Amino acid sequence: MTIQILGPGCPNCRNLEKNAREAIARLGVEAQIEKVTDTDRIVEMGVMRTPGYAIDGTVQRSGKVFTADEIEASIKAYSE
């Protein structure tokens, strides 16, 4: 599983990455973090407001810093 952090690398993006790493650790799943900072690629994925995150290229949510709990729920739903 690859979790993509979508954003330019701002403090909000770094906080989202930290929360994603926490969610991964709590779930004990195998996952890699990929940072997507290219604006064109982010827009191609359908994200107009950063930060956001995707799982295996499928955008889950965007527009704010999501908590580890919110990301954990997305990972669980994706894995089912």
N, C-alpha and C. Protein backbone atom coordinates (compact mmCIF):
# COMPACT_ATOMS: atom_id res chain seq x y z
N MET A 1 0.85 -1.17 0.00
CA MET A 1 0.00 0.00 0.00
C MET A 1 0.90 1.24 0.00
N THR A 2 0.52 2.22 -0.79
CA THR A 2 1.23 3.49 -0.83
C THR A 2 0.25 4.60 -0.46
N ILE A 3 0.64 5.39 0.52
CA ILE A 3 -0.14 6.55 0.90
C ILE A 3 0.58 7.78 0.36
N GLN A 4 -0.12 8.51 -0.46
CA GLN A 4 0.46 9.69 -1.09
C GLN A 4 -0.04 10.94 -0.35
N ILE A 5 0.91 11.77 0.06
CA ILE A 5 0.60 13.05 0.69
C ILE A 5 0.64 14.08 -0.43
N LEU A 6 -0.49 14.74 -0.65
CA LEU A 6 -0.64 15.65 -1.78
C LEU A 6 -0.56 17.09 -1.30
N GLY A 7 0.50 17.79 -1.70
CA GLY A 7 0.66 19.18 -1.31
C GLY A 7 2.08 19.66 -1.56
N PRO A 8 2.29 20.97 -1.45
CA PRO A 8 3.58 21.55 -1.80
C PRO A 8 4.70 21.32 -0.79
N GLY A 9 4.40 20.75 0.36
CA GLY A 9 5.43 20.52 1.38
C GLY A 9 5.36 21.54 2.50
N CYS A 10 4.24 22.20 2.63
CA CYS A 10 4.03 23.22 3.66
C CYS A 10 3.91 22.56 5.05
N PRO A 11 3.84 23.36 6.11
CA PRO A 11 3.67 22.77 7.45
C PRO A 11 2.43 21.89 7.56
N ASN A 12 1.33 22.26 6.92
CA ASN A 12 0.13 21.41 6.96
C ASN A 12 0.40 20.06 6.31
N CYS A 13 1.14 20.06 5.22
CA CYS A 13 1.48 18.80 4.54
C CYS A 13 2.34 17.93 5.45
N ARG A 14 3.29 18.53 6.14
CA ARG A 14 4.15 17.78 7.05
C ARG A 14 3.34 17.21 8.21
N ASN A 15 2.38 17.98 8.72
CA ASN A 15 1.52 17.48 9.79
C ASN A 15 0.65 16.32 9.31
N LEU A 16 0.14 16.43 8.09
CA LEU A 16 -0.66 15.34 7.52
C LEU A 16 0.19 14.09 7.38
N GLU A 17 1.43 14.25 6.93
CA GLU A 17 2.33 13.10 6.80
C GLU A 17 2.58 12.46 8.16
N LYS A 18 2.80 13.27 9.18
CA LYS A 18 3.02 12.76 10.53
C LYS A 18 1.80 11.95 10.99
N ASN A 19 0.61 12.48 10.74
CA ASN A 19 -0.61 11.78 11.13
C ASN A 19 -0.78 10.47 10.35
N ALA A 20 -0.41 10.48 9.08
CA ALA A 20 -0.49 9.26 8.27
C ALA A 20 0.47 8.20 8.80
N ARG A 21 1.67 8.62 9.15
CA ARG A 21 2.63 7.67 9.72
C ARG A 21 2.12 7.09 11.04
N GLU A 22 1.48 7.92 11.84
CA GLU A 22 0.91 7.45 13.10
C GLU A 22 -0.19 6.43 12.84
N ALA A 23 -1.06 6.70 11.88
CA ALA A 23 -2.15 5.78 11.55
C ALA A 23 -1.59 4.44 11.07
N ILE A 24 -0.57 4.49 10.23
CA ILE A 24 0.06 3.26 9.73
C ILE A 24 0.63 2.45 10.88
N ALA A 25 1.32 3.13 11.78
CA ALA A 25 1.95 2.45 12.92
C ALA A 25 0.89 1.81 13.82
N ARG A 26 -0.19 2.54 14.08
CA ARG A 26 -1.24 2.00 14.95
C ARG A 26 -1.90 0.78 14.35
N LEU A 27 -2.08 0.78 13.03
CA LEU A 27 -2.72 -0.35 12.36
C LEU A 27 -1.76 -1.51 12.13
N GLY A 28 -0.47 -1.21 12.11
CA GLY A 28 0.52 -2.25 11.86
C GLY A 28 0.50 -2.77 10.44
N VAL A 29 0.13 -1.91 9.49
CA VAL A 29 0.07 -2.32 8.09
C VAL A 29 1.37 -1.96 7.38
N GLU A 30 1.64 -2.68 6.30
CA GLU A 30 2.77 -2.37 5.44
C GLU A 30 2.35 -1.25 4.51
N ALA A 31 2.99 -0.11 4.62
CA ALA A 31 2.65 1.01 3.75
C ALA A 31 3.86 1.91 3.56
N GLN A 32 3.92 2.49 2.40
CA GLN A 32 4.97 3.46 2.08
C GLN A 32 4.32 4.82 1.97
N ILE A 33 5.09 5.84 2.32
CA ILE A 33 4.62 7.22 2.17
C ILE A 33 5.31 7.81 0.95
N GLU A 34 4.53 8.41 0.08
CA GLU A 34 5.05 9.10 -1.10
C GLU A 34 4.56 10.54 -1.05
N LYS A 35 5.47 11.47 -1.21
CA LYS A 35 5.09 12.89 -1.22
C LYS A 35 4.89 13.32 -2.68
N VAL A 36 3.73 13.86 -2.97
CA VAL A 36 3.43 14.37 -4.30
C VAL A 36 3.35 15.89 -4.18
N THR A 37 4.37 16.56 -4.71
CA THR A 37 4.45 18.02 -4.58
C THR A 37 4.23 18.74 -5.89
N ASP A 38 4.19 18.01 -6.99
CA ASP A 38 3.99 18.62 -8.31
C ASP A 38 2.53 19.06 -8.45
N THR A 39 2.33 20.36 -8.58
CA THR A 39 0.98 20.93 -8.65
C THR A 39 0.16 20.34 -9.78
N ASP A 40 0.77 20.17 -10.95
CA ASP A 40 0.04 19.61 -12.09
C ASP A 40 -0.45 18.20 -11.79
N ARG A 41 0.38 17.41 -11.18
CA ARG A 41 0.00 16.03 -10.85
C ARG A 41 -1.12 16.02 -9.80
N ILE A 42 -1.02 16.90 -8.82
CA ILE A 42 -2.06 16.99 -7.78
C ILE A 42 -3.40 17.35 -8.41
N VAL A 43 -3.39 18.33 -9.31
CA VAL A 43 -4.63 18.75 -9.98
C VAL A 43 -5.16 17.63 -10.86
N GLU A 44 -4.28 16.91 -11.56
CA GLU A 44 -4.70 15.77 -12.39
C GLU A 44 -5.41 14.71 -11.56
N MET A 45 -5.03 14.61 -10.28
CA MET A 45 -5.66 13.63 -9.39
C MET A 45 -7.02 14.14 -8.89
N GLY A 46 -7.35 15.39 -9.22
CA GLY A 46 -8.65 15.94 -8.85
C GLY A 46 -8.66 16.74 -7.56
N VAL A 47 -7.49 17.05 -7.04
CA VAL A 47 -7.40 17.79 -5.78
C VAL A 47 -7.22 19.27 -6.08
N MET A 48 -8.13 20.08 -5.56
CA MET A 48 -8.06 21.52 -5.76
C MET A 48 -7.60 22.25 -4.50
N ARG A 49 -7.73 21.60 -3.35
CA ARG A 49 -7.30 22.21 -2.09
C ARG A 49 -6.39 21.22 -1.37
N THR A 50 -5.19 21.67 -1.03
CA THR A 50 -4.25 20.84 -0.31
C THR A 50 -4.25 21.25 1.15
N PRO A 51 -3.75 20.40 2.03
CA PRO A 51 -3.20 19.08 1.74
C PRO A 51 -4.30 18.05 1.53
N GLY A 52 -3.88 16.94 1.00
CA GLY A 52 -4.78 15.83 0.82
C GLY A 52 -3.98 14.54 0.84
N TYR A 53 -4.68 13.43 0.78
CA TYR A 53 -3.97 12.16 0.71
C TYR A 53 -4.72 11.16 -0.15
N ALA A 54 -3.95 10.26 -0.70
CA ALA A 54 -4.48 9.21 -1.55
C ALA A 54 -3.91 7.87 -1.08
N ILE A 55 -4.64 6.82 -1.36
CA ILE A 55 -4.15 5.47 -1.10
C ILE A 55 -4.09 4.77 -2.44
N ASP A 56 -2.88 4.34 -2.79
CA ASP A 56 -2.64 3.66 -4.07
C ASP A 56 -3.22 4.45 -5.25
N GLY A 57 -3.07 5.78 -5.20
CA GLY A 57 -3.49 6.63 -6.30
C GLY A 57 -4.94 7.06 -6.28
N THR A 58 -5.71 6.58 -5.31
CA THR A 58 -7.11 6.96 -5.19
C THR A 58 -7.23 8.01 -4.09
N VAL A 59 -7.63 9.22 -4.47
CA VAL A 59 -7.74 10.30 -3.50
C VAL A 59 -8.81 9.95 -2.47
N GLN A 60 -8.44 10.10 -1.21
CA GLN A 60 -9.36 9.81 -0.11
C GLN A 60 -10.03 11.09 0.38
N ARG A 61 -9.21 12.09 0.70
CA ARG A 61 -9.74 13.35 1.23
C ARG A 61 -8.74 14.46 0.96
N SER A 62 -9.23 15.69 0.97
CA SER A 62 -8.34 16.83 0.78
C SER A 62 -8.95 18.08 1.38
N GLY A 63 -8.11 19.09 1.56
CA GLY A 63 -8.58 20.39 2.00
C GLY A 63 -8.27 20.77 3.43
N LYS A 64 -7.69 19.84 4.20
CA LYS A 64 -7.32 20.16 5.57
C LYS A 64 -6.35 19.10 6.09
N VAL A 65 -5.84 19.33 7.29
CA VAL A 65 -4.98 18.34 7.93
C VAL A 65 -5.90 17.34 8.64
N PHE A 66 -5.92 16.13 8.13
CA PHE A 66 -6.77 15.10 8.71
C PHE A 66 -6.03 14.43 9.87
N THR A 67 -6.80 14.01 10.86
CA THR A 67 -6.21 13.39 12.05
C THR A 67 -5.78 11.96 11.74
N ALA A 68 -4.97 11.41 12.63
CA ALA A 68 -4.56 10.02 12.50
C ALA A 68 -5.78 9.11 12.53
N ASP A 69 -6.79 9.45 13.35
CA ASP A 69 -8.01 8.64 13.42
C ASP A 69 -8.74 8.64 12.08
N GLU A 70 -8.84 9.80 11.44
CA GLU A 70 -9.52 9.90 10.14
C GLU A 70 -8.77 9.11 9.08
N ILE A 71 -7.47 9.20 9.09
CA ILE A 71 -6.66 8.47 8.11
C ILE A 71 -6.75 6.97 8.38
N GLU A 72 -6.73 6.60 9.64
CA GLU A 72 -6.86 5.19 10.01
C GLU A 72 -8.18 4.61 9.49
N ALA A 73 -9.25 5.36 9.63
CA ALA A 73 -10.55 4.91 9.12
C ALA A 73 -10.52 4.73 7.61
N SER A 74 -9.85 5.63 6.89
CA SER A 74 -9.74 5.51 5.43
C SER A 74 -8.96 4.26 5.05
N ILE A 75 -7.88 3.99 5.78
CA ILE A 75 -7.05 2.82 5.48
C ILE A 75 -7.86 1.55 5.73
N LYS A 76 -8.60 1.51 6.83
CA LYS A 76 -9.43 0.33 7.14
C LYS A 76 -10.48 0.11 6.04
N ALA A 77 -11.16 1.19 5.65
CA ALA A 77 -12.19 1.09 4.60
C ALA A 77 -11.57 0.65 3.28
N TYR A 78 -10.41 1.15 2.96
CA TYR A 78 -9.74 0.81 1.71
C TYR A 78 -9.32 -0.66 1.70
N SER A 79 -8.91 -1.15 2.85
CA SER A 79 -8.40 -2.52 2.95
C SER A 79 -9.48 -3.59 2.95
N GLU A 80 -10.73 -3.17 3.15
CA GLU A 80 -11.81 -4.16 3.21
C GLU A 80 -12.22 -4.68 1.86
